[in-house]
């Protein structure tokens, strides 16, 4: 069923591992970070910048592109790859996370796609999710079958089954009900995927179950038992980082290790090291480009001005006279060209160049991080490498 796809583990150190995911648009060396181009654009960054700084794969969002400009519009433009000018592997999520966002309102408007409160969830039932379009308020329905049809039209290499998410404070009964609905929706997604399979795409199953280990185990068994290409750890992972790490570790232990394992929506440096130590292969998150738009530049531990942050805020007054690059040992175009003082000035002057320059640095930072992690796993010194970056 996945004749044009393959996953091979090439090295391991404990549960951490290196591998290669082969897709029709190229190979992905894992562990890898997937950059979010939610609306078919990694904000502020040209595709050539992504490629030149070592990016292997980007993600776009089914919900947003379903709502505007429409999957058929993109299909007629030659699919996502041609539409946005990206020749490497791509992943599309299912739109399920947006159901969570619209229903509980706990995610930033930028991710929800809300505009002036127009977009809102009407209801979810066994058929799918009914919501108002963030574009014009018109009623829309997204079902497992429709999600797969949209992802097929978009043409990404890797696709994700349609699921439902719940917040961490929901009780176990509601979490179990939601998980079981997710399983039914994922099975419908898989059936639709198989029905139209042309071997150009692969499908991820999603593990739900909230913070309840027994539910996570059942959900992992469901994903293992069905013919998904890969597994994704989704849903709410807890109210603290410690709880998240425990849930991720417990979930990965139950998954089929012959398949790639993705952790949805997580991208902090410490979180990545913890996830890789548990056996995660790929991550996605808007964090690197989002903080760039607010003056946040990711830096290794030695460059930080605050122990509780993994970035520096270039809007701070001390950087107005700092003639050093963001990181003296960074090889990105921004660090080779601009000083912190210049970037501070651009931010204060509201110049758009600042946002692109810092975003390019953050993209290179994440790619360099993953490159060094892959080397560390192969050489058996992951702990030492973690000390440098965390």
Protein backbone atom coordinates (compact mmCIF):
# COMPACT_ATOMS: atom_id res chain seq x y z
CA UNK A 1 0.00 0.00 0.00
CA UNK A 2 2.96 2.31 0.61
CA UNK A 3 5.18 1.15 -2.21
CA UNK A 4 6.81 4.58 -2.69
CA UNK A 5 7.48 5.04 1.02
CA UNK A 6 9.86 3.40 3.45
CA UNK A 7 11.27 3.88 6.94
CA UNK A 8 14.63 2.50 8.00
CA UNK A 9 16.32 2.87 11.38
CA UNK A 10 20.03 3.55 10.85
CA UNK A 11 21.36 4.04 14.40
CA UNK A 12 20.14 4.00 17.98
CA UNK A 13 21.19 5.00 21.48
CA UNK A 14 18.80 3.72 24.12
CA UNK A 15 15.32 4.52 22.83
CA UNK A 16 16.64 7.43 20.74
CA UNK A 17 17.17 6.54 17.11
CA UNK A 18 18.20 7.86 13.71
CA UNK A 19 16.39 6.85 10.58
CA UNK A 20 15.37 7.72 7.05
CA UNK A 21 11.81 8.26 5.80
CA UNK A 22 11.71 7.84 2.02
CA UNK A 23 8.96 9.74 0.15
CA UNK A 24 8.26 10.55 -3.51
CA UNK A 25 9.70 14.04 -2.96
CA UNK A 26 12.87 12.98 -1.21
CA UNK A 27 14.28 11.52 1.98
CA UNK A 28 13.85 12.82 5.52
CA UNK A 29 16.70 12.07 7.90
CA UNK A 30 15.34 11.60 11.40
CA UNK A 31 15.11 12.92 14.05
CA UNK A 32 13.72 15.85 12.09
CA UNK A 33 11.78 19.04 12.70
CA UNK A 34 8.78 19.82 10.49
CA UNK A 35 8.27 23.56 9.94
CA UNK A 36 4.68 24.76 9.92
CA UNK A 37 3.45 26.52 6.81
CA UNK A 38 -0.10 26.58 8.16
CA UNK A 39 -1.62 28.55 5.31
CA UNK A 40 0.75 27.20 2.63
CA UNK A 41 3.47 29.59 3.79
CA UNK A 42 6.18 29.33 6.45
CA UNK A 43 5.68 32.87 7.71
CA UNK A 44 8.35 35.30 6.58
CA UNK A 45 10.59 32.73 4.93
CA UNK A 46 11.11 32.03 1.20
CA UNK A 47 11.20 28.36 0.12
CA UNK A 48 14.81 28.82 -0.97
CA UNK A 49 15.68 30.08 2.52
CA UNK A 50 14.16 26.91 3.93
CA UNK A 51 16.18 24.72 1.58
CA UNK A 52 19.43 26.65 2.04
CA UNK A 53 19.22 26.36 5.83
CA UNK A 54 18.75 22.59 5.79
CA UNK A 55 14.97 22.19 5.98
CA UNK A 56 13.80 18.73 4.95
CA UNK A 57 10.01 18.91 5.29
CA UNK A 58 7.24 21.44 5.87
CA UNK A 59 3.62 21.15 7.00
CA UNK A 60 0.40 22.80 5.84
CA UNK A 61 -3.00 22.79 7.50
CA UNK A 62 -6.01 21.03 6.02
CA UNK A 63 -8.58 23.10 7.90
CA UNK A 64 -7.18 26.44 6.76
CA UNK A 65 -6.65 25.43 3.14
CA UNK A 66 -10.06 23.74 3.01
CA UNK A 67 -11.57 27.04 4.15
CA UNK A 68 -9.47 29.20 1.81
CA UNK A 69 -8.49 29.10 -1.02
CA UNK A 70 -10.03 25.62 -1.27
CA UNK A 71 -8.39 22.30 -2.04
CA UNK A 72 -9.69 22.22 -5.62
CA UNK A 73 -8.14 25.62 -6.32
CA UNK A 74 -4.74 24.33 -5.16
CA UNK A 75 -5.18 21.07 -7.09
CA UNK A 76 -5.76 23.06 -10.28
CA UNK A 77 -2.53 24.96 -9.60
CA UNK A 78 -0.63 21.67 -9.60
CA UNK A 79 -0.90 20.80 -5.90
CA UNK A 80 0.82 22.27 -2.86
CA UNK A 81 4.38 21.61 -3.99
CA UNK A 82 4.00 23.57 -7.21
CA UNK A 83 1.67 26.16 -5.70
CA UNK A 84 4.18 27.25 -3.05
CA UNK A 85 7.42 26.45 -4.87
CA UNK A 86 8.67 23.73 -2.51
CA UNK A 87 10.20 20.58 -4.00
CA UNK A 88 10.82 18.60 -0.82
CA UNK A 89 8.57 16.36 1.26
CA UNK A 90 5.39 17.84 2.71
CA UNK A 91 2.92 16.84 5.40
CA UNK A 92 -0.68 17.94 5.85
CA UNK A 93 -2.49 17.54 9.15
CA UNK A 94 -6.12 16.48 9.22
CA UNK A 95 -7.91 19.54 10.60
CA UNK A 96 -8.78 17.64 13.78
CA UNK A 97 -6.72 19.91 15.99
CA UNK A 98 -8.71 22.89 14.76
CA UNK A 99 -11.87 21.23 16.09
CA UNK A 100 -10.25 21.32 19.52
CA UNK A 101 -9.21 24.95 19.03
CA UNK A 102 -12.59 26.15 17.88
CA UNK A 103 -14.46 24.22 20.52
CA UNK A 104 -12.45 25.19 23.59
CA UNK A 105 -10.88 28.49 22.59
CA UNK A 106 -7.58 27.81 24.30
CA UNK A 107 -5.27 28.24 21.32
CA UNK A 108 -4.05 31.55 19.92
CA UNK A 109 -6.13 33.16 17.19
CA UNK A 110 -3.22 32.79 14.79
CA UNK A 111 -3.52 29.00 14.98
CA UNK A 112 -7.30 28.93 15.12
CA UNK A 113 -7.66 31.08 12.06
CA UNK A 114 -10.21 33.24 13.89
CA UNK A 115 -10.83 36.69 12.55
CA UNK A 116 -12.79 39.05 14.78
CA UNK A 117 -14.57 36.14 16.42
CA UNK A 118 -16.24 34.97 13.19
CA UNK A 119 -14.89 31.45 13.17
CA UNK A 120 -16.51 29.07 15.65
CA UNK A 121 -17.36 25.44 16.09
CA UNK A 122 -21.07 24.72 15.75
CA UNK A 123 -20.99 21.10 16.86
CA UNK A 124 -19.27 17.76 16.42
CA UNK A 125 -21.18 14.53 15.99
CA UNK A 126 -20.51 11.11 14.55
CA UNK A 127 -20.56 12.48 11.01
CA UNK A 128 -17.89 15.12 11.56
CA UNK A 129 -17.34 18.73 12.62
CA UNK A 130 -19.69 21.56 11.73
CA UNK A 131 -18.21 25.06 11.92
CA UNK A 132 -18.51 28.58 10.57
CA UNK A 133 -15.89 29.63 8.01
CA UNK A 134 -13.39 32.17 9.30
CA UNK A 135 -13.64 33.81 5.87
CA UNK A 136 -17.34 34.60 5.62
CA UNK A 137 -19.17 32.82 8.42
CA UNK A 138 -20.72 30.26 6.07
CA UNK A 139 -21.52 26.82 7.57
CA UNK A 140 -19.00 24.10 6.73
CA UNK A 141 -18.69 20.39 7.44
CA UNK A 142 -15.43 18.48 7.73
CA UNK A 143 -15.69 14.69 7.91
CA UNK A 144 -13.04 11.96 7.83
CA UNK A 145 -13.81 11.33 4.17
CA UNK A 146 -13.72 15.02 3.34
CA UNK A 147 -10.45 15.51 5.21
CA UNK A 148 -8.84 12.74 3.18
CA UNK A 149 -10.25 14.12 -0.08
CA UNK A 150 -8.85 17.56 0.74
CA UNK A 151 -5.44 16.14 1.63
CA UNK A 152 -5.47 14.09 -1.58
CA UNK A 153 -6.16 17.23 -3.62
CA UNK A 154 -3.43 19.16 -1.80
CA UNK A 155 -0.98 16.40 -2.70
CA UNK A 156 1.34 16.31 0.33
CA UNK A 157 3.48 13.18 0.70
CA UNK A 158 2.41 12.49 4.28
CA UNK A 159 -1.18 12.80 5.47
CA UNK A 160 -2.91 12.42 8.82
CA UNK A 161 -6.14 10.66 9.78
CA UNK A 162 -9.02 12.83 11.02
CA UNK A 163 -9.40 12.85 14.81
CA UNK A 164 -10.95 14.72 17.74
CA UNK A 165 -8.97 16.33 20.55
CA UNK A 166 -9.98 17.12 24.12
CA UNK A 167 -8.44 19.47 26.72
CA UNK A 168 -6.47 18.00 29.62
CA UNK A 169 -9.06 18.92 32.27
CA UNK A 170 -11.82 16.77 30.68
CA UNK A 171 -12.66 13.75 32.83
CA UNK A 172 -11.76 10.21 31.88
CA UNK A 173 -15.23 9.26 30.69
CA UNK A 174 -15.36 12.15 28.20
CA UNK A 175 -11.76 11.49 27.14
CA UNK A 176 -12.56 7.83 26.46
CA UNK A 177 -15.65 8.73 24.44
CA UNK A 178 -13.63 11.18 22.37
CA UNK A 179 -10.86 8.63 21.86
CA UNK A 180 -13.32 6.03 20.64
CA UNK A 181 -14.84 8.53 18.22
CA UNK A 182 -11.34 9.34 17.00
CA UNK A 183 -10.77 5.65 16.35
CA UNK A 184 -13.95 5.43 14.31
CA UNK A 185 -13.01 8.57 12.39
CA UNK A 186 -9.48 7.29 11.81
CA UNK A 187 -10.81 3.99 10.50
CA UNK A 188 -13.07 5.89 8.11
CA UNK A 189 -10.05 7.99 7.08
CA UNK A 190 -8.05 4.83 6.39
CA UNK A 191 -10.89 3.26 4.39
CA UNK A 192 -11.17 6.41 2.27
CA UNK A 193 -7.39 6.56 1.85
CA UNK A 194 -7.27 2.93 0.65
CA UNK A 195 -10.19 3.47 -1.71
CA UNK A 196 -8.38 6.27 -3.56
CA UNK A 197 -4.78 5.18 -2.97
CA UNK A 198 -2.50 5.95 -5.93
CA UNK A 199 0.74 5.30 -3.99
CA UNK A 200 1.69 9.01 -3.93
CA UNK A 201 0.78 9.51 -0.27
CA UNK A 202 1.15 7.78 3.10
CA UNK A 203 -1.17 7.98 6.10
CA UNK A 204 -0.45 8.54 9.80
CA UNK A 205 -2.72 7.21 12.54
CA UNK A 206 -3.08 9.30 15.69
CA UNK A 207 -2.89 8.07 19.28
CA UNK A 208 -5.34 9.79 21.63
CA UNK A 209 -6.32 9.12 25.25
CA UNK A 210 -5.40 12.33 27.04
CA UNK A 211 -3.35 11.90 30.21
CA UNK A 212 -4.71 8.43 30.98
CA UNK A 213 -2.09 5.75 30.41
CA UNK A 214 -4.57 2.90 29.96
CA UNK A 215 -6.43 4.87 27.29
CA UNK A 216 -3.15 5.71 25.56
CA UNK A 217 -2.29 2.03 25.55
CA UNK A 218 -5.63 1.12 23.96
CA UNK A 219 -5.26 3.87 21.38
CA UNK A 220 -1.72 2.79 20.52
CA UNK A 221 -2.98 -0.75 20.03
CA UNK A 222 -5.65 0.56 17.65
CA UNK A 223 -3.05 2.40 15.56
CA UNK A 224 -0.73 -0.62 15.58
CA UNK A 225 -3.48 -2.96 14.43
CA UNK A 226 -4.43 -0.87 11.41
CA UNK A 227 -2.41 -0.38 8.24
CA UNK A 228 -1.12 3.13 8.84
CA UNK A 229 2.33 4.00 7.51
CA UNK A 230 3.28 5.85 10.68
CA UNK A 231 2.05 6.84 14.13
CA UNK A 232 1.45 10.29 15.60
CA UNK A 233 1.13 11.11 19.28
CA UNK A 234 -1.68 13.64 19.48
CA UNK A 235 -4.26 15.12 21.78
CA UNK A 236 -3.68 16.77 25.11
CA UNK A 237 -0.51 15.64 26.83
CA UNK A 238 -1.05 17.24 30.22
CA UNK A 239 -0.94 20.48 32.18
CA UNK A 240 2.81 20.46 32.90
CA UNK A 241 5.95 19.54 31.02
CA UNK A 242 6.65 16.73 33.46
CA UNK A 243 3.24 15.22 32.79
CA UNK A 244 3.72 15.64 29.05
CA UNK A 245 7.03 13.78 29.15
CA UNK A 246 5.45 10.93 31.12
CA UNK A 247 2.52 10.63 28.70
CA UNK A 248 4.78 10.70 25.63
CA UNK A 249 7.13 8.08 27.06
CA UNK A 250 4.28 5.78 28.08
CA UNK A 251 2.65 6.14 24.65
CA UNK A 252 5.77 5.51 22.57
CA UNK A 253 6.50 2.33 24.54
CA UNK A 254 3.24 0.89 23.21
CA UNK A 255 3.78 1.79 19.54
CA UNK A 256 5.08 -0.28 16.65
CA UNK A 257 8.73 0.76 16.41
CA UNK A 258 8.97 -0.36 12.79
CA UNK A 259 6.99 2.78 11.90
CA UNK A 260 8.00 6.44 12.17
CA UNK A 261 6.61 8.18 15.27
CA UNK A 262 5.62 11.85 15.17
CA UNK A 263 4.86 14.17 18.10
CA UNK A 264 2.24 16.71 17.09
CA UNK A 265 2.60 20.39 17.98
CA UNK A 266 5.70 20.21 20.21
CA UNK A 267 8.90 22.13 19.43
CA UNK A 268 10.71 23.43 22.52
CA UNK A 269 14.39 22.47 22.72
CA UNK A 270 14.08 20.61 26.02
CA UNK A 271 10.86 19.02 24.79
CA UNK A 272 12.66 17.75 21.70
CA UNK A 273 15.45 16.15 23.71
CA UNK A 274 12.92 14.49 26.02
CA UNK A 275 10.87 13.28 23.06
CA UNK A 276 13.87 11.89 21.22
CA UNK A 277 14.95 10.11 24.37
CA UNK A 278 11.53 8.47 24.46
CA UNK A 279 11.76 7.37 20.81
CA UNK A 280 10.11 10.21 18.85
CA UNK A 281 11.34 10.60 15.26
CA UNK A 282 9.75 13.87 14.08
CA UNK A 283 8.23 17.01 15.59
CA UNK A 284 6.24 19.97 14.30
CA UNK A 285 5.53 23.35 15.87
CA UNK A 286 4.94 26.99 14.91
CA UNK A 287 7.24 28.14 17.72
CA UNK A 288 10.43 29.03 15.74
CA UNK A 289 8.72 31.40 13.30
CA UNK A 290 6.10 32.67 15.74
CA UNK A 291 8.61 33.97 18.29
CA UNK A 292 10.65 35.50 15.45
CA UNK A 293 7.75 37.83 14.69
CA UNK A 294 8.00 39.11 18.26
CA UNK A 295 11.78 39.55 18.25
CA UNK A 296 12.62 36.15 19.71
CA UNK A 297 15.82 34.53 18.45
CA UNK A 298 16.54 30.93 19.44
CA UNK A 299 19.98 30.48 21.00
CA UNK A 300 22.01 27.76 22.67
CA UNK A 301 22.39 27.79 26.44
CA UNK A 302 25.60 29.86 26.47
CA UNK A 303 23.97 32.80 24.67
CA UNK A 304 20.81 33.13 26.77
CA UNK A 305 19.96 36.15 28.89
CA UNK A 306 17.26 34.33 30.87
CA UNK A 307 17.42 30.82 32.29
CA UNK A 308 13.68 30.27 31.81
CA UNK A 309 13.69 31.00 28.06
CA UNK A 310 15.30 29.22 25.12
CA UNK A 311 15.55 32.46 23.14
CA UNK A 312 16.68 36.05 23.52
CA UNK A 313 14.34 38.99 22.99
CA UNK A 314 16.09 41.34 20.57
CA UNK A 315 13.67 44.14 21.44
CA UNK A 316 15.37 44.54 24.81
CA UNK A 317 17.34 47.78 25.16
CA UNK A 318 20.67 46.07 25.89
CA UNK A 319 20.83 44.80 22.31
CA UNK A 320 20.71 48.32 20.83
CA UNK A 321 24.51 48.53 21.23
CA UNK A 322 25.38 44.85 20.80
CA UNK A 323 27.47 44.47 17.65
CA UNK A 324 27.67 40.68 17.86
CA UNK A 325 25.57 38.35 15.69
CA UNK A 326 22.74 36.43 17.33
CA UNK A 327 25.17 33.52 17.76
CA UNK A 328 28.85 33.85 16.84
CA UNK A 329 29.07 30.19 15.76
CA UNK A 330 25.90 30.18 13.64
CA UNK A 331 26.32 29.82 9.88
CA UNK A 332 22.91 31.21 8.88
CA UNK A 333 22.65 34.19 6.49
CA UNK A 334 21.37 36.42 9.30
CA UNK A 335 24.30 35.76 11.62
CA UNK A 336 26.75 36.14 8.75
CA UNK A 337 25.28 39.53 7.84
CA UNK A 338 23.55 41.35 10.70
CA UNK A 339 24.36 42.35 14.26
CA UNK A 340 22.00 42.18 17.21
CA UNK A 341 22.10 46.00 17.25
CA UNK A 342 20.85 46.19 13.66
CA UNK A 343 18.11 43.63 14.29
CA UNK A 344 17.07 45.59 17.40
CA UNK A 345 16.85 48.74 15.31
CA UNK A 346 14.77 47.00 12.62
CA UNK A 347 12.34 45.72 15.24
CA UNK A 348 11.96 49.13 16.85
CA UNK A 349 11.51 50.74 13.44
CA UNK A 350 8.86 48.14 12.52
CA UNK A 351 10.84 47.07 9.48
CA UNK A 352 9.65 43.77 7.98
CA UNK A 353 13.22 42.66 7.30
CA UNK A 354 13.63 41.98 11.02
CA UNK A 355 10.93 39.32 11.00
CA UNK A 356 12.39 37.49 8.01
CA UNK A 357 15.97 37.76 9.29
CA UNK A 358 15.14 36.35 12.73
CA UNK A 359 12.88 33.66 11.25
CA UNK A 360 15.69 32.52 8.94
CA UNK A 361 18.02 32.26 11.93
CA UNK A 362 15.46 30.28 13.92
CA UNK A 363 14.90 27.88 11.03
CA UNK A 364 18.63 27.28 10.70
CA UNK A 365 18.92 26.92 14.48
CA UNK A 366 16.32 24.13 14.54
CA UNK A 367 17.87 22.35 11.57
CA UNK A 368 21.35 22.59 13.09
CA UNK A 369 19.96 21.25 16.36
CA UNK A 370 18.50 18.21 14.61
CA UNK A 371 21.72 17.66 12.63
CA UNK A 372 23.78 17.59 15.81
CA UNK A 373 21.26 15.32 17.53
CA UNK A 374 21.50 12.82 14.67
CA UNK A 375 25.29 12.87 14.95
CA UNK A 376 25.09 12.50 18.73
CA UNK A 377 22.80 9.47 18.52
CA UNK A 378 25.13 7.80 16.03
CA UNK A 379 28.18 8.48 18.20
CA UNK A 380 26.49 7.74 21.52
CA UNK A 381 26.91 11.18 23.14
CA UNK A 382 23.33 12.50 23.15
CA UNK A 383 23.55 13.54 26.81
CA UNK A 384 26.59 15.74 26.19
CA UNK A 385 24.94 17.34 23.17
CA UNK A 386 21.80 18.04 25.19
CA UNK A 387 23.89 19.98 27.71
CA UNK A 388 25.08 22.32 24.96
CA UNK A 389 21.63 23.12 23.60
CA UNK A 390 19.18 22.94 26.51
